[in-house]
Amino acid sequence: MDADPFVWDDGEVAPGETAHVRFPVSETYLGDTVAAPVTIVCGEQPGPTVFLTAAVHGDELNGVEVVREVAQEWDHDAVHGTLVCLPVVNTLGFVTQQRYLPVQDRDLNRAFPGRSGSTSAKRIAHQIYEQFLSQCDLGIDFHTSTRGRTNMFHVRAEMDDDEVARLARAFGTNLIMDTDGSEGMLRRELSDAGVPTITVEMGEAHRFERELIDHALAGVESVFAEYGVYPDREVRWPGWRTTVSGWDDKTWLRADSGGIVEVHASRGALVREGERVCTITNPFKTEKTVVEAPFTGVVVGVLENPVVYPGNPLCHLASVERDVQQAIESARAGDAPGGGDVPAAAE
């Protein structure tokens, strides 16, 4: 069976060809075109159509490099299917290095599938969704934590959906957060529409973190192996894996006092119940508040900016079973492979 071309309103990519497109999504106050870069790799052999997206939040950069390297540096001669690569979805946020669209401060990741004739965010989302994403069979959306915090390398997915769960496991992270996502999220809306999609969380905003980028590239290769895009590759096993679901299995530890924070646990670290996670002190260090882990778990996200008001988030903690605790400790000691951050000391 011959491969099909990839077609959108203004163009077509034939099997065996690659196209680099600047797709118009909006205009500036001066009427200049705002365009999102898109690379489409159409393989000569039939297979699934897979999208990779990054910078839906404009300051989240790790995924930008992942998508760029897959699109521009990988050998695509043997690709089965089509790759649709959008390294910068939120072009306006990217050029201003803001999380949200600078137009009315809208969150593009709450605007999908979008709607023509609506807000700026929904117009942009609608064009990208209809022209590219909805035509795909599955997809991976790369994110980081917001500024001032960092996330361990993990997947977020709706695990009650068998096809989404298959994709999440194929990516090969230690941790999968089982959530359906908020209304308007790219992954939720596409998964609900029959295009299995996962979110990959990795590190912090405003920077490239090479170790996490390499982990993510290995995850993409693993997905391509699972779905036959690269039939000669192998699906990745991260060494240990756990799936966290339900509010009882995870919590954000928040500051009860304002001050300057010393963090004692890094992203991906295992902390025991009652162990000190953070200490908040006043400028004179004459008063301090010790924040302890309410249960034994893994640090999914943690504060990077060391100042807080009461109520500010300090640490995102997820409960893990005893066998997973042992696997994390073994990986930390170098006795087993691991696909996430499991450092012996704070970063």
Protein backbone atom coordinates (compact mmCIF):
# COMPACT_ATOMS: atom_id res chain seq x y z
CA MET A 1 0.00 0.00 0.00
CA ASP A 2 1.33 3.42 -0.95
CA ALA A 3 1.75 6.22 1.57
CA ASP A 4 -0.65 9.18 1.45
CA PRO A 5 0.38 12.83 1.15
CA PHE A 6 -0.24 15.22 4.05
CA VAL A 7 -2.64 17.95 2.98
CA TRP A 8 -3.82 21.18 4.59
CA ASP A 9 -5.73 24.12 3.10
CA ASP A 10 -2.72 25.88 1.64
CA GLY A 11 -0.39 23.03 0.80
CA GLU A 12 0.53 19.40 0.38
CA VAL A 13 3.57 17.27 1.18
CA ALA A 14 4.04 14.19 -0.97
CA PRO A 15 5.46 10.87 0.29
CA GLY A 16 9.24 11.04 0.53
CA GLU A 17 9.28 14.81 0.90
CA THR A 18 9.82 17.25 3.78
CA ALA A 19 8.33 20.74 3.97
CA HIS A 20 9.22 23.67 6.24
CA VAL A 21 6.18 25.91 6.54
CA ARG A 22 5.52 29.23 8.24
CA PHE A 23 1.80 28.91 8.88
CA PRO A 24 -0.06 32.23 9.48
CA VAL A 25 -2.00 32.19 12.74
CA SER A 26 -2.57 35.88 13.56
CA GLU A 27 -1.43 39.45 12.96
CA THR A 28 0.35 42.09 15.03
CA TYR A 29 -1.01 45.53 15.90
CA LEU A 30 0.73 46.74 12.72
CA GLY A 31 -1.00 44.15 10.58
CA ASP A 32 2.13 42.03 10.09
CA THR A 33 1.67 38.28 9.82
CA VAL A 34 2.34 36.11 12.87
CA ALA A 35 3.30 32.62 11.70
CA ALA A 36 3.98 29.33 13.48
CA PRO A 37 6.87 27.20 12.15
CA VAL A 38 5.79 23.72 11.04
CA THR A 39 7.96 20.91 9.64
CA ILE A 40 6.14 18.06 7.93
CA VAL A 41 8.05 14.86 7.15
CA CYS A 42 6.04 12.56 4.89
CA GLY A 43 7.55 9.08 4.77
CA GLU A 44 7.61 6.94 1.65
CA GLN A 45 6.17 4.02 3.62
CA PRO A 46 2.63 4.07 5.08
CA GLY A 47 2.22 4.45 8.82
CA PRO A 48 0.67 6.66 11.49
CA THR A 49 0.65 10.45 11.42
CA VAL A 50 2.27 11.72 14.63
CA PHE A 51 2.44 15.30 15.86
CA LEU A 52 5.00 16.80 18.22
CA THR A 53 4.19 20.20 19.76
CA ALA A 54 6.08 22.53 22.10
CA ALA A 55 5.86 26.06 23.49
CA VAL A 56 2.09 26.11 23.75
CA HIS A 57 3.21 28.20 26.70
CA GLY A 58 5.68 30.59 25.11
CA ASP A 59 8.41 30.49 27.78
CA GLU A 60 8.59 26.67 28.03
CA LEU A 61 11.68 25.92 25.97
CA ASN A 62 12.94 22.38 26.63
CA GLY A 63 10.37 20.89 24.28
CA VAL A 64 11.28 23.36 21.55
CA GLU A 65 14.68 21.76 21.22
CA VAL A 66 13.22 18.24 21.35
CA VAL A 67 10.88 18.94 18.44
CA ARG A 68 13.56 20.79 16.47
CA GLU A 69 16.05 17.94 16.79
CA VAL A 70 13.51 15.30 15.76
CA ALA A 71 12.42 17.41 12.78
CA GLN A 72 15.78 18.69 11.60
CA GLU A 73 18.50 16.29 12.81
CA TRP A 74 17.03 12.79 12.76
CA ASP A 75 17.40 10.56 9.70
CA HIS A 76 13.94 10.28 8.17
CA ASP A 77 14.79 8.05 5.21
CA ALA A 78 13.09 5.04 6.79
CA VAL A 79 10.12 6.81 8.40
CA HIS A 80 6.86 4.91 8.15
CA GLY A 81 4.07 7.48 8.23
CA THR A 82 4.14 11.24 8.70
CA LEU A 83 5.64 13.54 11.33
CA VAL A 84 3.99 16.91 11.99
CA CYS A 85 6.39 18.98 14.08
CA LEU A 86 5.40 22.33 15.63
CA PRO A 87 8.28 23.49 17.85
CA VAL A 88 6.66 26.85 18.71
CA VAL A 89 2.86 26.79 18.87
CA ASN A 90 2.46 30.02 20.84
CA THR A 91 4.53 32.24 18.55
CA LEU A 92 3.42 35.49 20.18
CA GLY A 93 4.29 34.24 23.66
CA PHE A 94 7.59 32.85 22.43
CA VAL A 95 8.87 36.08 20.90
CA THR A 96 7.99 38.00 24.08
CA GLN A 97 9.11 35.10 26.34
CA GLN A 98 5.79 35.00 28.14
CA ARG A 99 3.81 31.97 29.23
CA TYR A 100 0.51 33.29 27.89
CA LEU A 101 -0.49 35.09 24.74
CA PRO A 102 0.38 38.78 25.25
CA VAL A 103 -3.01 39.59 23.70
CA GLN A 104 -5.36 39.83 26.72
CA ASP A 105 -3.03 37.47 28.65
CA ARG A 106 -4.85 34.37 27.37
CA ASP A 107 -3.71 30.80 28.09
CA LEU A 108 -3.50 29.10 24.69
CA ASN A 109 -3.61 25.74 26.45
CA ARG A 110 -7.18 26.44 27.56
CA ALA A 111 -8.37 27.46 24.08
CA PHE A 112 -8.47 24.19 22.12
CA PRO A 113 -10.08 23.08 19.86
CA GLY A 114 -10.69 26.78 19.29
CA ARG A 115 -13.30 28.55 17.23
CA SER A 116 -13.17 30.92 14.29
CA GLY A 117 -14.65 34.34 14.94
CA SER A 118 -13.89 34.10 18.68
CA THR A 119 -11.03 35.40 20.88
CA SER A 120 -7.46 35.65 19.63
CA ALA A 121 -6.50 32.53 21.55
CA LYS A 122 -9.37 30.47 20.17
CA ARG A 123 -8.73 31.67 16.62
CA ILE A 124 -5.08 30.60 16.83
CA ALA A 125 -5.98 27.29 18.47
CA HIS A 126 -8.67 26.61 15.87
CA GLN A 127 -6.33 27.06 12.92
CA ILE A 128 -3.58 24.85 14.34
CA TYR A 129 -6.07 22.23 15.53
CA GLU A 130 -8.02 21.99 12.26
CA GLN A 131 -5.16 22.27 9.78
CA PHE A 132 -2.62 20.01 11.48
CA LEU A 133 -3.39 18.35 14.81
CA SER A 134 -6.82 16.88 14.08
CA GLN A 135 -5.39 15.10 11.03
CA CYS A 136 -2.99 13.07 13.17
CA ASP A 137 -3.34 9.63 14.74
CA LEU A 138 -1.52 10.44 17.98
CA GLY A 139 0.59 13.19 19.50
CA ILE A 140 3.01 14.36 22.18
CA ASP A 141 2.81 17.86 23.69
CA PHE A 142 5.95 19.06 25.51
CA HIS A 143 5.78 21.37 28.53
CA THR A 144 7.86 22.54 31.48
CA SER A 145 6.90 23.94 34.84
CA THR A 146 5.99 27.59 35.08
CA ARG A 147 8.76 30.07 35.95
CA GLY A 148 10.09 29.86 39.48
CA ARG A 149 9.44 26.09 39.70
CA THR A 150 10.81 22.94 38.11
CA ASN A 151 9.24 19.57 37.29
CA MET A 152 10.77 16.11 37.20
CA PHE A 153 10.57 14.33 33.85
CA HIS A 154 7.13 12.72 33.66
CA VAL A 155 4.03 12.13 31.53
CA ARG A 156 0.49 13.35 32.16
CA ALA A 157 -2.25 11.31 30.54
CA GLU A 158 -5.84 10.08 30.84
CA MET A 159 -5.07 6.47 31.73
CA ASP A 160 -8.72 5.35 31.59
CA ASP A 161 -8.42 5.79 27.82
CA ASP A 162 -6.70 2.61 26.59
CA GLU A 163 -5.12 4.25 23.55
CA VAL A 164 -3.81 7.18 25.59
CA ALA A 165 -2.47 4.75 28.19
CA ARG A 166 -0.63 2.81 25.47
CA LEU A 167 1.01 6.01 24.29
CA ALA A 168 1.90 7.12 27.83
CA ARG A 169 3.59 3.81 28.65
CA ALA A 170 5.43 3.74 25.33
CA PHE A 171 7.09 7.08 26.09
CA GLY A 172 8.92 5.37 28.94
CA THR A 173 8.97 7.76 31.92
CA ASN A 174 9.29 6.64 35.51
CA LEU A 175 6.20 8.58 36.55
CA ILE A 176 2.81 8.89 34.87
CA MET A 177 0.34 11.35 36.39
CA ASP A 178 -3.15 10.04 35.60
CA THR A 179 -5.26 13.14 34.96
CA ASP A 180 -7.86 13.97 32.33
CA GLY A 181 -6.66 17.58 32.07
CA SER A 182 -8.68 20.77 32.06
CA GLU A 183 -11.22 21.75 29.46
CA GLY A 184 -9.50 23.44 26.52
CA MET A 185 -6.16 21.68 27.03
CA LEU A 186 -4.59 20.47 23.80
CA ARG A 187 -4.13 16.90 25.05
CA ARG A 188 -7.61 16.59 26.54
CA GLU A 189 -9.46 17.96 23.53
CA LEU A 190 -7.52 15.85 21.04
CA SER A 191 -7.80 12.68 23.13
CA ASP A 192 -11.55 13.23 23.48
CA ALA A 193 -11.71 13.64 19.70
CA GLY A 194 -10.02 10.27 19.14
CA VAL A 195 -6.40 11.45 18.72
CA PRO A 196 -4.51 9.94 21.71
CA THR A 197 -2.29 12.67 23.15
CA ILE A 198 -0.01 12.93 26.17
CA THR A 199 1.73 15.83 27.88
CA VAL A 200 5.40 15.51 28.76
CA GLU A 201 6.53 17.69 31.67
CA MET A 202 10.26 18.37 31.90
CA GLY A 203 12.23 20.88 33.93
CA GLU A 204 11.75 24.63 34.12
CA ALA A 205 10.89 27.56 31.88
CA HIS A 206 13.30 29.92 30.09
CA ARG A 207 16.12 27.45 29.49
CA PHE A 208 17.39 24.32 27.74
CA GLU A 209 18.25 21.42 30.07
CA ARG A 210 20.27 18.98 28.01
CA GLU A 211 19.78 15.92 30.22
CA LEU A 212 16.01 16.26 30.08
CA ILE A 213 16.04 16.96 26.34
CA ASP A 214 17.98 13.72 25.81
CA HIS A 215 15.49 11.80 27.97
CA ALA A 216 12.66 13.20 25.88
CA LEU A 217 14.35 12.30 22.60
CA ALA A 218 14.68 8.73 23.86
CA GLY A 219 10.98 8.81 24.73
CA VAL A 220 10.02 9.96 21.24
CA GLU A 221 12.13 7.19 19.72
CA SER A 222 10.38 4.69 22.00
CA VAL A 223 6.96 5.91 20.85
CA PHE A 224 8.05 5.68 17.23
CA ALA A 225 9.09 2.07 17.87
CA GLU A 226 5.77 1.22 19.54
CA TYR A 227 3.73 2.56 16.63
CA GLY A 228 5.94 1.35 13.79
CA VAL A 229 7.20 4.76 12.70
CA TYR A 230 10.71 3.35 13.27
CA PRO A 231 10.03 -0.40 12.98
CA ASP A 232 13.64 -1.38 13.72
CA ARG A 233 13.81 0.40 17.12
CA GLU A 234 12.84 -0.88 20.58
CA VAL A 235 10.29 0.39 23.08
CA ARG A 236 11.99 1.91 26.11
CA TRP A 237 11.73 0.55 29.66
CA PRO A 238 12.67 3.23 32.21
CA GLY A 239 13.82 0.87 34.98
CA TRP A 240 10.85 1.56 37.25
CA ARG A 241 7.46 3.07 36.70
CA THR A 242 4.50 4.17 38.76
CA THR A 243 1.16 5.73 37.90
CA VAL A 244 -0.29 8.29 40.31
CA SER A 245 -3.98 9.11 40.25
CA GLY A 246 -6.48 10.69 42.60
CA TRP A 247 -6.14 13.66 44.92
CA ASP A 248 -5.28 11.40 47.87
CA ASP A 249 -2.10 10.27 46.10
CA LYS A 250 -0.62 13.72 45.48
CA THR A 251 -0.54 17.15 47.05
CA TRP A 252 1.02 20.59 46.78
CA LEU A 253 2.80 21.59 49.98
CA ARG A 254 2.22 25.32 50.49
CA ALA A 255 3.86 27.96 52.61
CA ASP A 256 2.08 28.90 55.85
CA SER A 257 4.38 31.89 56.36
CA GLY A 258 6.16 34.37 54.14
CA GLY A 259 9.92 34.45 53.89
CA ILE A 260 13.01 33.04 52.24
CA VAL A 261 13.01 29.34 51.39
CA GLU A 262 15.74 26.74 51.62
CA VAL A 263 14.71 23.63 49.71
CA HIS A 264 16.12 20.32 50.96
CA ALA A 265 14.70 17.95 48.32
CA SER A 266 15.25 18.12 44.57
CA ARG A 267 12.92 17.12 41.74
CA GLY A 268 12.60 13.35 41.39
CA ALA A 269 13.92 12.70 44.90
CA LEU A 270 12.25 10.27 47.29
CA VAL A 271 11.30 11.86 50.62
CA ARG A 272 10.07 9.95 53.65
CA GLU A 273 7.07 10.84 55.79
CA GLY A 274 8.14 13.42 58.35
CA GLU A 275 11.32 14.30 56.46
CA ARG A 276 12.16 17.99 56.15
CA VAL A 277 11.38 19.25 52.64
CA CYS A 278 11.78 23.03 53.02
CA THR A 279 12.65 25.59 55.66
CA ILE A 280 11.22 29.12 55.56
CA THR A 281 13.04 31.84 57.49
CA ASN A 282 12.70 35.59 58.00
CA PRO A 283 15.51 37.93 56.81
CA PHE A 284 17.28 37.68 60.20
CA LYS A 285 16.94 33.87 60.43
CA THR A 286 15.51 34.40 63.90
CA GLU A 287 12.24 32.69 62.98
CA LYS A 288 11.83 29.58 60.89
CA THR A 289 9.07 27.31 59.66
CA VAL A 290 9.97 23.72 58.81
CA VAL A 291 7.85 22.01 56.15
CA GLU A 292 7.77 18.21 56.40
CA ALA A 293 6.52 15.54 54.01
CA PRO A 294 3.03 14.38 55.04
CA PHE A 295 3.66 10.97 53.42
CA THR A 296 6.44 9.10 51.67
CA GLY A 297 6.59 10.08 48.03
CA VAL A 298 8.49 11.44 45.07
CA VAL A 299 9.06 15.14 44.46
CA VAL A 300 7.29 15.86 41.17
CA GLY A 301 7.74 19.62 41.23
CA VAL A 302 9.63 22.00 43.48
CA LEU A 303 10.21 25.71 44.03
CA GLU A 304 13.18 27.36 42.31
CA ASN A 305 12.49 31.00 43.25
CA PRO A 306 13.42 31.08 46.97
CA VAL A 307 10.88 33.64 48.21
CA VAL A 308 7.24 33.03 49.14
CA TYR A 309 4.07 34.58 50.44
CA PRO A 310 1.75 32.49 52.63
CA GLY A 311 -0.11 30.10 50.36
CA ASN A 312 2.56 29.94 47.66
CA PRO A 313 3.39 26.42 46.40
CA LEU A 314 6.62 24.86 47.64
CA CYS A 315 6.63 21.26 46.50
CA HIS A 316 4.43 18.89 44.48
CA LEU A 317 4.58 15.49 46.18
CA ALA A 318 3.19 12.20 44.85
CA SER A 319 2.74 9.08 46.96
CA VAL A 320 4.47 5.88 45.78
CA GLU A 321 4.19 2.25 46.86
CA ARG A 322 6.92 0.46 48.80
CA ASP A 323 8.25 -1.46 45.78
CA VAL A 324 8.56 1.79 43.86
CA GLN A 325 10.34 3.39 46.80
CA GLN A 326 12.88 0.58 46.69
CA ALA A 327 13.29 0.96 42.91
CA ILE A 328 13.93 4.70 43.28
CA GLU A 329 16.56 4.07 45.94
CA SER A 330 18.21 1.42 43.76
CA ALA A 331 18.27 3.79 40.79
CA ARG A 332 19.75 6.53 42.95
CA ALA A 333 22.49 4.16 44.05
CA GLY A 334 23.20 3.24 40.44
CA ASP A 335 21.90 -0.31 40.74
CA ALA A 336 19.16 0.08 38.13
CA PRO A 337 18.45 2.25 35.09
CA GLY A 338 16.09 5.16 35.43
CA GLY A 339 14.44 7.56 33.03
CA GLY A 340 13.88 10.46 35.41
CA ASP A 341 15.70 12.67 37.85
CA VAL A 342 16.66 10.62 40.91
CA PRO A 343 19.59 12.56 42.37
CA ALA A 344 21.36 11.70 45.60
CA ALA A 345 21.49 15.33 46.67
CA ALA A 346 19.63 18.54 45.95
CA GLU A 347 20.40 20.14 42.59
